[in-house]
Amino acid sequence: MQPGGMPDMQQILQQAQQMQQQLMVAQQELAEAEVTGNAGGGLVTATVSGAGELKALTIDPKVIDPDDPETLADLVVAAVRDASTNAQELAQRAMGPLAGGLGGGFQLPGM
């Protein structure tokens, strides 16, 4: 702390820079991570990146019924939704500690 009770701006800026670096690393790791979701007991599996981008979709031939395309469409939607939910949970776990620091968890010396 500087004389007069003022926080040390250099220290605050260093903390902010460290948090920014950690955030960038976490975002990169999320972009590279892959998360799966499935529906119909694994008949349809979707793979998304940690950022939520659909990367792959696997459909078991047993679920392909030309007379019932609606069921297949529903399974695809459910599998992608499941994968997206899993990706959001991964993002919350990865970014949670950092977001807390950005939202006022920053303790200013002397405050």
Protein backbone atom coordinates (compact mmCIF):
# COMPACT_ATOMS: atom_id res chain seq x y z
CA MET A 1 0.00 0.00 0.00
CA GLN A 2 1.24 3.45 -0.85
CA PRO A 3 1.38 6.27 1.69
CA GLY A 4 -1.99 7.87 2.26
CA GLY A 5 -3.91 4.56 2.17
CA MET A 6 -4.14 4.35 -1.63
CA PRO A 7 -3.93 0.90 -3.25
CA ASP A 8 -0.83 0.14 -5.29
CA MET A 9 -1.98 0.50 -8.91
CA GLN A 10 1.00 -1.50 -10.17
CA GLN A 11 -0.12 -4.48 -8.07
CA ILE A 12 -3.72 -4.13 -9.27
CA LEU A 13 -2.62 -4.01 -12.90
CA GLN A 14 -0.41 -7.09 -12.42
CA GLN A 15 -3.35 -9.01 -10.91
CA ALA A 16 -5.59 -7.98 -13.80
CA GLN A 17 -2.94 -9.08 -16.33
CA GLN A 18 -2.57 -12.47 -14.63
CA MET A 19 -6.34 -12.98 -14.66
CA GLN A 20 -6.50 -12.03 -18.34
CA GLN A 21 -3.78 -14.58 -19.18
CA GLN A 22 -5.57 -17.30 -17.19
CA LEU A 23 -8.82 -16.45 -18.97
CA MET A 24 -7.16 -16.71 -22.39
CA VAL A 25 -5.63 -20.09 -21.50
CA ALA A 26 -8.99 -21.39 -20.22
CA GLN A 27 -10.76 -20.18 -23.40
CA GLN A 28 -8.15 -21.91 -25.60
CA GLU A 29 -8.48 -25.15 -23.62
CA LEU A 30 -12.26 -25.01 -24.00
CA ALA A 31 -12.02 -24.45 -27.75
CA GLU A 32 -9.80 -27.54 -28.05
CA ALA A 33 -11.83 -29.75 -25.67
CA GLU A 34 -14.42 -32.15 -27.05
CA VAL A 35 -17.52 -33.20 -25.15
CA THR A 36 -20.10 -35.80 -26.15
CA GLY A 37 -23.78 -36.20 -25.57
CA ASN A 38 -26.15 -38.93 -26.65
CA ALA A 39 -29.77 -39.91 -27.04
CA GLY A 40 -31.71 -43.10 -27.50
CA GLY A 41 -29.37 -45.06 -25.28
CA GLY A 42 -26.38 -44.17 -27.42
CA LEU A 43 -28.05 -44.63 -30.82
CA VAL A 44 -27.18 -41.02 -31.65
CA THR A 45 -24.01 -39.39 -30.32
CA ALA A 46 -23.03 -35.76 -30.81
CA THR A 47 -19.57 -34.32 -30.17
CA VAL A 48 -19.15 -30.60 -29.57
CA SER A 49 -16.18 -28.43 -28.69
CA GLY A 50 -15.99 -26.90 -25.23
CA ALA A 51 -17.14 -23.70 -26.92
CA GLY A 52 -20.30 -25.47 -28.18
CA GLU A 53 -19.39 -25.98 -31.86
CA LEU A 54 -20.77 -29.24 -33.30
CA LYS A 55 -17.79 -31.36 -34.39
CA ALA A 56 -19.25 -34.80 -35.13
CA LEU A 57 -22.51 -36.71 -35.21
CA THR A 58 -22.77 -40.51 -35.13
CA ILE A 59 -26.02 -42.27 -35.97
CA ASP A 60 -26.48 -45.99 -35.44
CA PRO A 61 -28.03 -47.47 -38.64
CA LYS A 62 -30.63 -49.28 -36.50
CA VAL A 63 -32.34 -45.96 -35.78
CA ILE A 64 -32.71 -44.98 -39.46
CA ASP A 65 -36.30 -45.65 -40.47
CA PRO A 66 -37.36 -44.06 -43.78
CA ASP A 67 -40.97 -44.17 -42.61
CA ASP A 68 -40.20 -42.29 -39.38
CA PRO A 69 -37.72 -39.44 -39.95
CA GLU A 70 -39.21 -37.47 -37.05
CA THR A 71 -37.87 -39.90 -34.45
CA LEU A 72 -34.36 -39.66 -35.91
CA ALA A 73 -34.60 -35.86 -35.99
CA ASP A 74 -35.72 -35.83 -32.34
CA LEU A 75 -32.81 -38.07 -31.34
CA VAL A 76 -30.32 -35.84 -33.16
CA VAL A 77 -31.70 -32.73 -31.47
CA ALA A 78 -31.61 -34.45 -28.06
CA ALA A 79 -28.02 -35.66 -28.56
CA VAL A 80 -26.80 -32.21 -29.63
CA ARG A 81 -28.66 -30.61 -26.71
CA ASP A 82 -27.06 -33.11 -24.30
CA ALA A 83 -23.59 -32.42 -25.70
CA SER A 84 -24.17 -28.66 -25.54
CA THR A 85 -25.29 -28.92 -21.91
CA ASN A 86 -22.15 -30.92 -21.12
CA ALA A 87 -20.02 -28.27 -22.88
CA GLN A 88 -21.67 -25.50 -20.85
CA GLU A 89 -20.98 -27.37 -17.63
CA LEU A 90 -17.35 -27.81 -18.68
CA ALA A 91 -17.10 -24.09 -19.45
CA GLN A 92 -18.59 -23.18 -16.07
CA ARG A 93 -16.08 -25.41 -14.28
CA ALA A 94 -13.19 -23.98 -16.31
CA MET A 95 -14.21 -20.33 -16.17
CA GLY A 96 -15.97 -20.25 -12.79
CA PRO A 97 -12.96 -19.37 -10.64
CA LEU A 98 -11.89 -16.71 -13.15
CA ALA A 99 -15.35 -15.21 -13.50
CA GLY A 100 -15.53 -14.86 -9.71
CA GLY A 101 -12.36 -12.80 -9.79
CA LEU A 102 -13.70 -10.60 -12.56
CA GLY A 103 -17.00 -10.03 -10.81
CA GLY A 104 -15.58 -8.21 -7.84
CA GLY A 105 -13.64 -11.01 -6.17
CA PHE A 106 -10.65 -8.73 -6.71
CA GLN A 107 -9.50 -7.55 -3.30
CA LEU A 108 -7.91 -4.16 -3.39
CA PRO A 109 -5.20 -3.78 -0.78
CA GLY A 110 -6.32 -1.50 2.02
CA MET A 111 -9.99 -1.60 1.04
